[in-house]
C-alpha cells in the first residue's frame, strides 16, 4: 500500500543511498546548486525584464523560447561531440558558462535594454545548462545498481525540486531587500567560481 509514510521511507532510503556514495553525493550538491540558481534566476530575471524592458508576457515568452532552443542544441551538441570528454571538464565548463552568461544577461537587460541580446544570451544559457542534466544522470546510472534506479531518481527529484522551490521563495524575499541585478550578477559569479573549482581543483 502506497501510504504517505511508506512513500516518505522510500524517498528517505533513496536520499541515504545517494549520500552514501561519494560520487552521487557530489551530484546531489551540484544539482541542488543548479536548480537553486535556476529557481532564483527565474524570479529575479522576471523582475529585471519587467523593470528594464517594460513588458513581461512577450519578452519572457521569447526568452523562454530561446532558452529551450539553446537546451535542444546543447543536448545535440553534447551527444555528438561531448561524450568523449571528461565529465568533470564538461560540468566545470557548463557551470563557468552559466555564470558568465548570467552576468552578460544582466548587462544586456539593464545596460543595453536589448531584448535581442537578452534572447541570444538565454539561448546560450540553455546551451550551457543542457550537458549538466545528461552528465549527472549518467553518473547516477553508473554509480548505483539498476534495481535501485527508481528509488534513487525519485529521491533525486525530491531534492532538486525542493531546492528549486525554496530558492524561488528566498529570491522573492531577497528581491524586496536588494537589487535584483546585483543578486543575479552575484549568482553568476558563484556559478563561475564553482565552474573554475571543478576545472582546477
N, C-alpha and C. Protein backbone atom coordinates (compact mmCIF):
# COMPACT_ATOMS: atom_id res chain seq x y z
N UNK A 1 0.84 -1.20 0.00
CA UNK A 1 0.00 0.00 0.00
C UNK A 1 0.88 1.25 0.00
N UNK A 2 0.57 2.20 -0.89
CA UNK A 2 1.38 3.41 -1.03
C UNK A 2 0.90 4.49 -0.06
N UNK A 3 1.14 4.26 1.23
CA UNK A 3 0.77 5.24 2.24
C UNK A 3 1.79 6.36 2.26
N UNK A 4 1.42 7.54 2.79
CA UNK A 4 2.40 8.64 2.88
C UNK A 4 3.67 8.24 3.64
N UNK A 5 3.51 7.45 4.71
CA UNK A 5 4.68 7.03 5.47
C UNK A 5 5.58 6.14 4.63
N UNK A 6 4.98 5.23 3.87
CA UNK A 6 5.76 4.34 3.02
C UNK A 6 6.50 5.13 1.95
N UNK A 7 5.82 6.10 1.36
CA UNK A 7 6.45 6.92 0.32
C UNK A 7 7.62 7.69 0.92
N UNK A 8 7.42 8.26 2.12
CA UNK A 8 8.49 9.01 2.77
C UNK A 8 9.69 8.12 3.05
N UNK A 9 9.45 6.90 3.52
CA UNK A 9 10.55 5.99 3.82
C UNK A 9 11.33 5.60 2.56
N UNK A 10 10.62 5.38 1.47
CA UNK A 10 11.29 5.03 0.22
C UNK A 10 12.17 6.19 -0.25
N UNK A 11 11.61 7.40 -0.20
CA UNK A 11 12.39 8.58 -0.62
C UNK A 11 13.59 8.76 0.30
N UNK A 12 13.37 8.60 1.61
CA UNK A 12 14.47 8.78 2.56
C UNK A 12 15.58 7.75 2.35
N UNK A 13 15.20 6.51 2.06
CA UNK A 13 16.20 5.48 1.77
C UNK A 13 17.00 5.83 0.51
N UNK A 14 16.31 6.39 -0.49
CA UNK A 14 17.00 6.79 -1.70
C UNK A 14 17.98 7.93 -1.44
N UNK A 15 17.58 8.89 -0.61
CA UNK A 15 18.48 10.00 -0.28
C UNK A 15 19.71 9.49 0.48
N UNK A 16 19.49 8.56 1.41
CA UNK A 16 20.62 7.99 2.16
C UNK A 16 21.57 7.25 1.22
N UNK A 17 21.01 6.54 0.25
CA UNK A 17 21.85 5.82 -0.70
C UNK A 17 22.65 6.79 -1.57
N UNK A 18 22.01 7.87 -1.99
CA UNK A 18 22.71 8.90 -2.75
C UNK A 18 23.86 9.49 -1.93
N UNK A 19 23.59 9.77 -0.67
CA UNK A 19 24.58 10.43 0.18
C UNK A 19 25.72 9.47 0.56
N UNK A 20 25.43 8.18 0.58
CA UNK A 20 26.43 7.19 0.98
C UNK A 20 27.54 7.08 -0.06
N UNK A 21 27.21 7.28 -1.33
CA UNK A 21 28.18 7.11 -2.40
C UNK A 21 28.87 8.45 -2.68
N UNK A 22 30.20 8.51 -2.63
CA UNK A 22 30.90 9.80 -2.79
C UNK A 22 30.59 10.52 -4.10
N UNK A 23 30.50 9.77 -5.20
CA UNK A 23 30.23 10.41 -6.49
C UNK A 23 28.85 11.04 -6.53
N UNK A 24 27.84 10.29 -6.10
CA UNK A 24 26.49 10.83 -6.16
C UNK A 24 26.25 11.89 -5.08
N UNK A 25 27.04 11.87 -4.01
CA UNK A 25 26.95 12.94 -3.02
C UNK A 25 27.30 14.28 -3.68
N UNK A 26 28.33 14.28 -4.50
CA UNK A 26 28.69 15.49 -5.23
C UNK A 26 27.64 15.88 -6.25
N UNK A 27 27.02 14.87 -6.88
CA UNK A 27 25.98 15.15 -7.87
C UNK A 27 24.78 15.83 -7.23
N UNK A 28 24.38 15.33 -6.05
CA UNK A 28 23.26 15.95 -5.34
C UNK A 28 23.57 17.42 -5.06
N UNK A 29 24.78 17.70 -4.61
CA UNK A 29 25.17 19.08 -4.35
C UNK A 29 25.14 19.94 -5.60
N UNK A 30 25.69 19.42 -6.70
CA UNK A 30 25.72 20.18 -7.95
C UNK A 30 24.32 20.46 -8.47
N UNK A 31 23.47 19.44 -8.46
CA UNK A 31 22.11 19.63 -8.96
C UNK A 31 21.31 20.54 -8.03
N UNK A 32 21.55 20.43 -6.74
CA UNK A 32 20.87 21.33 -5.80
C UNK A 32 21.26 22.78 -6.06
N UNK A 33 22.55 23.02 -6.27
CA UNK A 33 23.02 24.37 -6.58
C UNK A 33 22.44 24.86 -7.90
N UNK A 34 22.46 23.98 -8.90
CA UNK A 34 21.96 24.36 -10.21
C UNK A 34 20.48 24.70 -10.18
N UNK A 35 19.68 23.83 -9.55
CA UNK A 35 18.24 24.08 -9.51
C UNK A 35 17.91 25.26 -8.60
N UNK A 36 18.69 25.41 -7.53
CA UNK A 36 18.50 26.59 -6.69
C UNK A 36 18.78 27.86 -7.45
N UNK A 37 19.87 27.86 -8.21
CA UNK A 37 20.18 29.02 -9.03
C UNK A 37 19.14 29.27 -10.11
N UNK A 38 18.62 28.18 -10.68
CA UNK A 38 17.59 28.32 -11.71
C UNK A 38 16.31 28.93 -11.15
N UNK A 39 15.89 28.46 -9.97
CA UNK A 39 14.68 29.00 -9.35
C UNK A 39 14.82 30.46 -9.02
N UNK A 40 15.96 30.83 -8.42
CA UNK A 40 16.18 32.23 -8.07
C UNK A 40 16.29 33.10 -9.32
N UNK A 41 16.93 32.57 -10.36
CA UNK A 41 17.10 33.34 -11.60
C UNK A 41 15.77 33.63 -12.28
N UNK A 42 14.84 32.68 -12.21
CA UNK A 42 13.53 32.91 -12.80
C UNK A 42 12.83 34.08 -12.13
N UNK A 43 12.85 34.08 -10.80
CA UNK A 43 12.19 35.16 -10.06
C UNK A 43 12.87 36.50 -10.33
N UNK A 44 14.18 36.53 -10.14
CA UNK A 44 14.91 37.80 -10.30
C UNK A 44 14.93 38.25 -11.75
N UNK A 45 15.08 37.31 -12.68
CA UNK A 45 15.08 37.67 -14.09
C UNK A 45 13.75 38.23 -14.55
N UNK A 46 12.65 37.69 -14.02
CA UNK A 46 11.33 38.21 -14.37
C UNK A 46 11.18 39.66 -13.93
N UNK A 47 11.61 39.95 -12.70
CA UNK A 47 11.53 41.33 -12.21
C UNK A 47 12.44 42.24 -13.02
N UNK A 48 13.62 41.76 -13.36
CA UNK A 48 14.58 42.56 -14.13
C UNK A 48 14.02 42.90 -15.51
N UNK A 49 13.46 41.91 -16.17
CA UNK A 49 12.88 42.13 -17.51
C UNK A 49 11.71 43.10 -17.43
N UNK A 50 10.86 42.92 -16.44
CA UNK A 50 9.71 43.80 -16.31
C UNK A 50 10.15 45.25 -16.07
N UNK A 51 11.18 45.43 -15.27
CA UNK A 51 11.61 46.78 -14.91
C UNK A 51 12.30 47.50 -16.07
N UNK A 52 13.16 46.80 -16.81
CA UNK A 52 14.00 47.48 -17.79
C UNK A 52 13.54 47.32 -19.23
N UNK A 53 12.77 46.27 -19.53
CA UNK A 53 12.26 46.11 -20.90
C UNK A 53 10.80 46.51 -21.02
N UNK A 54 10.14 46.68 -19.89
CA UNK A 54 8.80 47.27 -19.91
C UNK A 54 7.66 46.31 -20.10
N UNK A 55 7.92 45.06 -20.49
CA UNK A 55 6.85 44.10 -20.68
C UNK A 55 7.23 42.80 -19.98
N UNK A 56 6.24 41.93 -19.80
CA UNK A 56 6.51 40.65 -19.17
C UNK A 56 6.19 39.50 -20.12
N UNK A 57 4.95 39.44 -20.59
CA UNK A 57 4.49 38.28 -21.34
C UNK A 57 5.28 38.07 -22.63
N UNK A 58 5.39 39.13 -23.44
CA UNK A 58 6.06 38.98 -24.75
C UNK A 58 7.54 38.66 -24.57
N UNK A 59 8.24 39.46 -23.77
CA UNK A 59 9.68 39.28 -23.63
C UNK A 59 10.01 37.96 -22.94
N UNK A 60 9.28 37.61 -21.89
CA UNK A 60 9.56 36.35 -21.22
C UNK A 60 9.24 35.16 -22.12
N UNK A 61 8.22 35.32 -22.97
CA UNK A 61 7.92 34.26 -23.92
C UNK A 61 9.07 34.02 -24.88
N UNK A 62 9.65 35.11 -25.40
CA UNK A 62 10.79 34.97 -26.31
C UNK A 62 12.00 34.40 -25.59
N UNK A 63 12.25 34.86 -24.36
CA UNK A 63 13.39 34.36 -23.60
C UNK A 63 13.24 32.86 -23.31
N UNK A 64 12.03 32.44 -22.96
CA UNK A 64 11.79 31.02 -22.70
C UNK A 64 11.98 30.20 -23.97
N UNK A 65 11.53 30.75 -25.11
CA UNK A 65 11.69 30.06 -26.38
C UNK A 65 13.16 29.84 -26.69
N UNK A 66 13.97 30.89 -26.55
CA UNK A 66 15.39 30.77 -26.88
C UNK A 66 16.13 29.91 -25.87
N UNK A 67 15.70 29.94 -24.62
CA UNK A 67 16.29 29.04 -23.62
C UNK A 67 16.06 27.59 -24.03
N UNK A 68 14.83 27.27 -24.45
CA UNK A 68 14.53 25.91 -24.89
C UNK A 68 15.31 25.51 -26.13
N UNK A 69 15.44 26.44 -27.08
CA UNK A 69 16.22 26.15 -28.30
C UNK A 69 17.67 25.89 -27.93
N UNK A 70 18.20 26.71 -27.03
CA UNK A 70 19.59 26.52 -26.60
C UNK A 70 19.80 25.17 -25.94
N UNK A 71 18.83 24.75 -25.12
CA UNK A 71 18.95 23.44 -24.46
C UNK A 71 18.89 22.30 -25.47
N UNK A 72 18.05 22.46 -26.48
CA UNK A 72 17.97 21.43 -27.52
C UNK A 72 19.29 21.32 -28.28
N UNK A 73 19.83 22.46 -28.68
CA UNK A 73 21.10 22.46 -29.41
C UNK A 73 22.22 21.93 -28.53
N UNK A 74 22.22 22.34 -27.23
CA UNK A 74 23.25 21.85 -26.32
C UNK A 74 23.20 20.35 -26.12
N UNK A 75 22.00 19.80 -26.06
CA UNK A 75 21.85 18.35 -25.91
C UNK A 75 22.39 17.63 -27.14
N UNK A 76 22.03 18.13 -28.32
CA UNK A 76 22.51 17.51 -29.56
C UNK A 76 24.02 17.64 -29.69
N UNK A 77 24.56 18.82 -29.33
CA UNK A 77 26.00 19.04 -29.44
C UNK A 77 26.76 18.14 -28.49
N UNK A 78 26.26 17.98 -27.27
CA UNK A 78 26.95 17.10 -26.32
C UNK A 78 26.91 15.65 -26.80
N UNK A 79 25.75 15.23 -27.31
CA UNK A 79 25.66 13.87 -27.81
C UNK A 79 26.59 13.60 -28.98
N UNK A 80 26.84 14.64 -29.79
CA UNK A 80 27.68 14.46 -30.98
C UNK A 80 29.17 14.60 -30.67
N UNK A 81 29.54 15.59 -29.85
CA UNK A 81 30.95 15.89 -29.65
C UNK A 81 31.43 15.80 -28.20
N UNK A 82 30.52 15.79 -27.23
CA UNK A 82 30.96 15.91 -25.85
C UNK A 82 31.10 14.63 -25.07
N UNK A 83 30.60 13.51 -25.59
CA UNK A 83 30.59 12.28 -24.80
C UNK A 83 31.99 11.73 -24.54
N UNK A 84 32.95 12.11 -25.37
CA UNK A 84 34.32 11.63 -25.17
C UNK A 84 35.11 12.46 -24.17
N UNK A 85 34.57 13.58 -23.75
CA UNK A 85 35.27 14.45 -22.81
C UNK A 85 35.08 13.97 -21.37
N UNK A 86 36.02 14.34 -20.52
CA UNK A 86 35.89 14.01 -19.10
C UNK A 86 34.67 14.71 -18.52
N UNK A 87 33.91 13.98 -17.71
CA UNK A 87 32.66 14.52 -17.18
C UNK A 87 32.91 15.72 -16.27
N UNK A 88 33.99 15.70 -15.50
CA UNK A 88 34.31 16.84 -14.64
C UNK A 88 34.60 18.08 -15.47
N UNK A 89 35.28 17.90 -16.61
CA UNK A 89 35.56 19.02 -17.51
C UNK A 89 34.27 19.60 -18.06
N UNK A 90 33.36 18.73 -18.48
CA UNK A 90 32.08 19.19 -19.03
C UNK A 90 31.30 19.98 -17.98
N UNK A 91 31.24 19.45 -16.75
CA UNK A 91 30.50 20.14 -15.69
C UNK A 91 31.15 21.48 -15.35
N UNK A 92 32.46 21.50 -15.29
CA UNK A 92 33.15 22.75 -14.99
C UNK A 92 32.91 23.81 -16.04
N UNK A 93 33.01 23.43 -17.31
CA UNK A 93 32.75 24.38 -18.39
C UNK A 93 31.29 24.84 -18.40
N UNK A 94 30.38 23.92 -18.10
CA UNK A 94 28.96 24.26 -18.08
C UNK A 94 28.65 25.29 -16.99
N UNK A 95 29.17 25.06 -15.78
CA UNK A 95 28.93 25.99 -14.69
C UNK A 95 29.61 27.33 -14.94
N UNK A 96 30.82 27.30 -15.46
CA UNK A 96 31.51 28.54 -15.80
C UNK A 96 30.73 29.32 -16.86
N UNK A 97 30.25 28.60 -17.88
CA UNK A 97 29.46 29.25 -18.93
C UNK A 97 28.18 29.84 -18.39
N UNK A 98 27.48 29.12 -17.51
CA UNK A 98 26.24 29.64 -16.92
C UNK A 98 26.51 30.92 -16.14
N UNK A 99 27.60 30.94 -15.39
CA UNK A 99 27.93 32.13 -14.61
C UNK A 99 28.21 33.34 -15.48
N UNK A 100 29.00 33.13 -16.53
CA UNK A 100 29.33 34.25 -17.42
C UNK A 100 28.09 34.74 -18.17
N UNK A 101 27.25 33.81 -18.57
CA UNK A 101 26.04 34.20 -19.30
C UNK A 101 25.08 34.98 -18.41
N UNK A 102 24.94 34.57 -17.14
CA UNK A 102 24.06 35.31 -16.23
C UNK A 102 24.55 36.74 -16.05
N UNK A 103 25.86 36.91 -15.92
CA UNK A 103 26.41 38.27 -15.84
C UNK A 103 26.13 39.06 -17.10
N UNK A 104 26.30 38.42 -18.25
CA UNK A 104 26.01 39.10 -19.51
C UNK A 104 24.53 39.42 -19.67
N UNK A 105 23.68 38.55 -19.14
CA UNK A 105 22.23 38.79 -19.23
C UNK A 105 21.84 40.05 -18.46
N UNK A 106 22.42 40.23 -17.29
CA UNK A 106 22.15 41.44 -16.51
C UNK A 106 22.58 42.67 -17.29
N UNK A 107 23.76 42.60 -17.91
CA UNK A 107 24.26 43.74 -18.68
C UNK A 107 23.37 44.02 -19.90
N UNK A 108 22.89 42.95 -20.55
CA UNK A 108 22.05 43.13 -21.74
C UNK A 108 20.71 43.75 -21.40
N UNK A 109 20.13 43.34 -20.28
CA UNK A 109 18.80 43.85 -19.91
C UNK A 109 18.90 45.23 -19.26
N UNK A 110 19.79 45.37 -18.29
CA UNK A 110 19.86 46.64 -17.56
C UNK A 110 20.67 47.69 -18.30
N UNK A 111 21.80 47.28 -18.89
CA UNK A 111 22.67 48.24 -19.55
C UNK A 111 22.21 48.57 -20.97
N UNK A 112 22.04 47.54 -21.79
CA UNK A 112 21.66 47.75 -23.19
C UNK A 112 20.16 47.88 -23.39
N UNK A 113 19.39 47.31 -22.46
CA UNK A 113 17.93 47.24 -22.60
C UNK A 113 17.54 46.64 -23.95
N UNK A 114 18.21 45.56 -24.27
CA UNK A 114 18.02 44.92 -25.56
C UNK A 114 17.40 43.55 -25.39
N UNK A 115 16.19 43.39 -25.91
CA UNK A 115 15.55 42.09 -25.87
C UNK A 115 16.24 41.09 -26.77
N UNK A 116 16.82 41.57 -27.89
CA UNK A 116 17.51 40.67 -28.81
C UNK A 116 18.75 40.08 -28.15
N UNK A 117 19.55 40.94 -27.50
CA UNK A 117 20.75 40.46 -26.82
C UNK A 117 20.38 39.52 -25.68
N UNK A 118 19.33 39.86 -24.95
CA UNK A 118 18.89 39.00 -23.85
C UNK A 118 18.44 37.64 -24.36
N UNK A 119 17.74 37.62 -25.51
CA UNK A 119 17.29 36.35 -26.09
C UNK A 119 18.47 35.49 -26.52
N UNK A 120 19.48 36.12 -27.13
CA UNK A 120 20.67 35.37 -27.53
C UNK A 120 21.37 34.76 -26.32
N UNK A 121 21.46 35.53 -25.25
CA UNK A 121 22.10 35.03 -24.04
C UNK A 121 21.26 33.94 -23.37
N UNK A 122 19.93 34.05 -23.46
CA UNK A 122 19.07 32.98 -22.94
C UNK A 122 19.33 31.67 -23.70
N UNK A 123 19.49 31.77 -25.01
CA UNK A 123 19.83 30.58 -25.80
C UNK A 123 21.17 30.00 -25.40
N UNK A 124 22.15 30.88 -25.16
CA UNK A 124 23.47 30.42 -24.74
C UNK A 124 23.42 29.78 -23.35
N UNK A 125 22.57 30.33 -22.49
CA UNK A 125 22.39 29.75 -21.16
C UNK A 125 21.82 28.33 -21.26
N UNK A 126 20.81 28.15 -22.11
CA UNK A 126 20.26 26.82 -22.33
C UNK A 126 21.30 25.85 -22.86
N UNK A 127 22.14 26.34 -23.76
CA UNK A 127 23.22 25.51 -24.33
C UNK A 127 24.17 25.04 -23.23
N UNK A 128 24.50 25.93 -22.29
CA UNK A 128 25.40 25.58 -21.19
C UNK A 128 24.74 24.65 -20.17
N UNK A 129 23.44 24.82 -19.97
CA UNK A 129 22.72 24.01 -18.99
C UNK A 129 22.53 22.56 -19.43
N UNK A 130 22.33 22.37 -20.73
CA UNK A 130 21.91 21.05 -21.23
C UNK A 130 22.83 19.90 -20.82
N UNK A 131 24.16 20.04 -20.95
CA UNK A 131 25.02 18.90 -20.61
C UNK A 131 24.98 18.51 -19.14
N UNK A 132 24.62 19.44 -18.26
CA UNK A 132 24.66 19.14 -16.83
C UNK A 132 23.70 18.00 -16.49
N UNK A 133 22.47 18.09 -16.99
CA UNK A 133 21.49 17.04 -16.73
C UNK A 133 21.93 15.69 -17.29
N UNK A 134 22.51 15.72 -18.48
CA UNK A 134 22.93 14.46 -19.10
C UNK A 134 24.06 13.82 -18.31
N UNK A 135 25.05 14.61 -17.96
CA UNK A 135 26.23 14.09 -17.26
C UNK A 135 25.85 13.57 -15.87
N UNK A 136 25.06 14.34 -15.14
CA UNK A 136 24.70 13.92 -13.78
C UNK A 136 23.84 12.65 -13.80
N UNK A 137 22.91 12.56 -14.74
CA UNK A 137 22.11 11.33 -14.84
C UNK A 137 22.98 10.13 -15.19
N UNK A 138 23.96 10.34 -16.06
CA UNK A 138 24.88 9.25 -16.42
C UNK A 138 25.68 8.79 -15.21
N UNK A 139 26.17 9.75 -14.42
CA UNK A 139 26.96 9.41 -13.23
C UNK A 139 26.13 8.63 -12.22
N UNK A 140 24.86 9.03 -12.06
CA UNK A 140 24.00 8.30 -11.13
C UNK A 140 23.76 6.87 -11.63
N UNK A 141 23.53 6.72 -12.93
CA UNK A 141 23.33 5.39 -13.50
C UNK A 141 24.55 4.51 -13.26
N UNK A 142 25.73 5.09 -13.43
CA UNK A 142 26.96 4.30 -13.31
C UNK A 142 27.28 3.96 -11.85
N UNK A 143 26.83 4.79 -10.92
CA UNK A 143 27.22 4.61 -9.52
C UNK A 143 26.35 3.62 -8.75
N UNK A 144 25.13 3.35 -9.25
CA UNK A 144 24.20 2.53 -8.48
C UNK A 144 23.66 1.38 -9.33
N UNK A 145 23.38 0.25 -8.70
CA UNK A 145 22.82 -0.88 -9.45
C UNK A 145 21.42 -0.56 -9.99
N UNK A 146 21.08 -1.24 -11.07
CA UNK A 146 19.82 -0.94 -11.76
C UNK A 146 18.60 -1.12 -10.87
N UNK A 147 18.65 -2.05 -9.93
CA UNK A 147 17.49 -2.31 -9.07
C UNK A 147 17.16 -1.11 -8.18
N UNK A 148 18.13 -0.20 -7.98
CA UNK A 148 17.90 0.97 -7.13
C UNK A 148 17.57 2.23 -7.93
N UNK A 149 17.59 2.15 -9.25
CA UNK A 149 17.45 3.37 -10.05
C UNK A 149 16.14 4.10 -9.80
N UNK A 150 15.03 3.36 -9.70
CA UNK A 150 13.74 4.02 -9.48
C UNK A 150 13.72 4.81 -8.18
N UNK A 151 14.19 4.17 -7.12
CA UNK A 151 14.22 4.83 -5.81
C UNK A 151 15.20 6.00 -5.82
N UNK A 152 16.36 5.81 -6.45
CA UNK A 152 17.39 6.85 -6.47
C UNK A 152 16.91 8.08 -7.22
N UNK A 153 16.34 7.87 -8.40
CA UNK A 153 15.92 9.02 -9.20
C UNK A 153 14.70 9.72 -8.61
N UNK A 154 13.84 8.98 -7.94
CA UNK A 154 12.72 9.63 -7.23
C UNK A 154 13.24 10.53 -6.13
N UNK A 155 14.20 10.04 -5.37
CA UNK A 155 14.76 10.82 -4.28
C UNK A 155 15.53 12.02 -4.81
N UNK A 156 16.26 11.82 -5.90
CA UNK A 156 16.99 12.93 -6.50
C UNK A 156 16.03 14.01 -6.97
N UNK A 157 14.90 13.59 -7.53
CA UNK A 157 13.89 14.55 -7.97
C UNK A 157 13.33 15.35 -6.81
N UNK A 158 13.12 14.70 -5.67
CA UNK A 158 12.63 15.41 -4.49
C UNK A 158 13.64 16.46 -4.04
N UNK A 159 14.91 16.09 -4.02
CA UNK A 159 15.96 17.02 -3.56
C UNK A 159 16.06 18.24 -4.47
N UNK A 160 16.16 18.01 -5.77
CA UNK A 160 16.40 19.13 -6.68
C UNK A 160 15.16 20.02 -6.81
N UNK A 161 13.97 19.43 -6.78
CA UNK A 161 12.77 20.25 -6.85
C UNK A 161 12.53 21.04 -5.57
N UNK A 162 12.94 20.48 -4.44
CA UNK A 162 12.86 21.23 -3.19
C UNK A 162 13.80 22.43 -3.23
N UNK A 163 15.00 22.21 -3.76
CA UNK A 163 15.95 23.32 -3.90
C UNK A 163 15.38 24.40 -4.82
N UNK A 164 14.72 23.98 -5.89
CA UNK A 164 14.13 24.91 -6.84
C UNK A 164 13.05 25.78 -6.18
N UNK A 165 12.16 25.14 -5.44
CA UNK A 165 11.06 25.86 -4.80
C UNK A 165 11.57 26.79 -3.70
N UNK A 166 12.46 26.28 -2.85
CA UNK A 166 12.97 27.09 -1.75
C UNK A 166 13.76 28.29 -2.26
N UNK A 167 14.50 28.10 -3.34
CA UNK A 167 15.28 29.22 -3.89
C UNK A 167 14.37 30.30 -4.47
N UNK A 168 13.25 29.91 -5.04
CA UNK A 168 12.31 30.90 -5.55
C UNK A 168 11.73 31.73 -4.40
N UNK A 169 11.38 31.07 -3.31
CA UNK A 169 10.88 31.79 -2.14
C UNK A 169 11.95 32.72 -1.58
N UNK A 170 13.18 32.22 -1.48
CA UNK A 170 14.27 33.04 -0.96
C UNK A 170 14.56 34.23 -1.86
N UNK A 171 14.51 34.01 -3.17
CA UNK A 171 14.78 35.10 -4.11
C UNK A 171 13.71 36.18 -4.03
N UNK A 172 12.45 35.76 -3.84
CA UNK A 172 11.39 36.75 -3.68
C UNK A 172 11.60 37.60 -2.44
N UNK A 173 12.04 36.97 -1.35
CA UNK A 173 12.30 37.69 -0.10
C UNK A 173 13.50 38.62 -0.26
N UNK A 174 14.58 38.12 -0.86
CA UNK A 174 15.78 38.93 -1.03
C UNK A 174 15.56 40.06 -2.03
N UNK A 175 14.72 39.79 -3.06
CA UNK A 175 14.47 40.80 -4.08
C UNK A 175 13.80 42.04 -3.54
N UNK A 176 13.12 41.91 -2.41
CA UNK A 176 12.49 43.08 -1.79
C UNK A 176 13.49 43.90 -0.98
N UNK A 177 14.66 43.34 -0.75
CA UNK A 177 15.63 43.99 0.13
C UNK A 177 16.93 44.37 -0.57
N UNK A 178 17.12 43.91 -1.79
CA UNK A 178 18.34 44.22 -2.53
C UNK A 178 18.02 44.29 -4.02
N UNK A 179 18.93 44.85 -4.78
CA UNK A 179 18.73 44.99 -6.22
C UNK A 179 18.76 43.62 -6.90
N UNK A 180 17.76 43.36 -7.74
CA UNK A 180 17.72 42.06 -8.42
C UNK A 180 18.89 41.89 -9.38
N UNK A 181 19.37 42.99 -9.96
CA UNK A 181 20.51 42.88 -10.88
C UNK A 181 21.77 42.48 -10.12
N UNK A 182 21.96 43.05 -8.91
CA UNK A 182 23.12 42.68 -8.09
C UNK A 182 23.03 41.22 -7.67
N UNK A 183 21.84 40.79 -7.25
CA UNK A 183 21.67 39.39 -6.83
C UNK A 183 21.91 38.43 -8.00
N UNK A 184 21.39 38.78 -9.17
CA UNK A 184 21.55 37.90 -10.33
C UNK A 184 23.01 37.85 -10.77
N UNK A 185 23.68 39.00 -10.76
CA UNK A 185 25.10 39.02 -11.11
C UNK A 185 25.91 38.24 -10.07
N UNK A 186 25.52 38.35 -8.79
CA UNK A 186 26.21 37.59 -7.74
C UNK A 186 26.06 36.10 -7.94
N UNK A 187 24.87 35.66 -8.36
CA UNK A 187 24.68 34.24 -8.64
C UNK A 187 25.53 33.80 -9.82
N UNK A 188 25.63 34.68 -10.81
CA UNK A 188 26.51 34.37 -11.94
C UNK A 188 27.95 34.20 -11.50
N UNK A 189 28.40 35.07 -10.61
CA UNK A 189 29.75 34.93 -10.08
C UNK A 189 29.95 33.64 -9.31
N UNK A 190 28.93 33.24 -8.55
CA UNK A 190 29.01 31.99 -7.78
C UNK A 190 29.08 30.78 -8.71
N UNK A 191 28.28 30.80 -9.78
CA UNK A 191 28.33 29.72 -10.76
C UNK A 191 29.71 29.65 -11.42
N UNK A 192 30.23 30.82 -11.81
CA UNK A 192 31.54 30.85 -12.46
C UNK A 192 32.62 30.33 -11.52
N UNK A 193 32.56 30.73 -10.25
CA UNK A 193 33.54 30.25 -9.28
C UNK A 193 33.43 28.74 -9.09
N UNK A 194 32.19 28.23 -9.06
CA UNK A 194 32.01 26.79 -8.98
C UNK A 194 32.58 26.06 -10.18
N UNK A 195 32.40 26.63 -11.36
CA UNK A 195 32.96 26.02 -12.57
C UNK A 195 34.47 25.99 -12.53
N UNK A 196 35.09 27.09 -12.10
CA UNK A 196 36.55 27.12 -12.01
C UNK A 196 37.06 26.12 -10.98
N UNK A 197 36.31 25.96 -9.89
CA UNK A 197 36.69 24.98 -8.88
C UNK A 197 36.68 23.56 -9.45
N UNK A 198 35.64 23.25 -10.23
CA UNK A 198 35.57 21.93 -10.85
C UNK A 198 36.70 21.71 -11.85
N UNK A 199 37.09 22.78 -12.52
CA UNK A 199 38.11 22.66 -13.55
C UNK A 199 39.53 22.52 -12.98
N UNK A 200 39.79 23.18 -11.88
CA UNK A 200 41.17 23.28 -11.41
C UNK A 200 41.46 22.64 -10.08
N UNK A 201 40.42 22.15 -9.37
CA UNK A 201 40.67 21.55 -8.05
C UNK A 201 40.06 20.17 -7.96
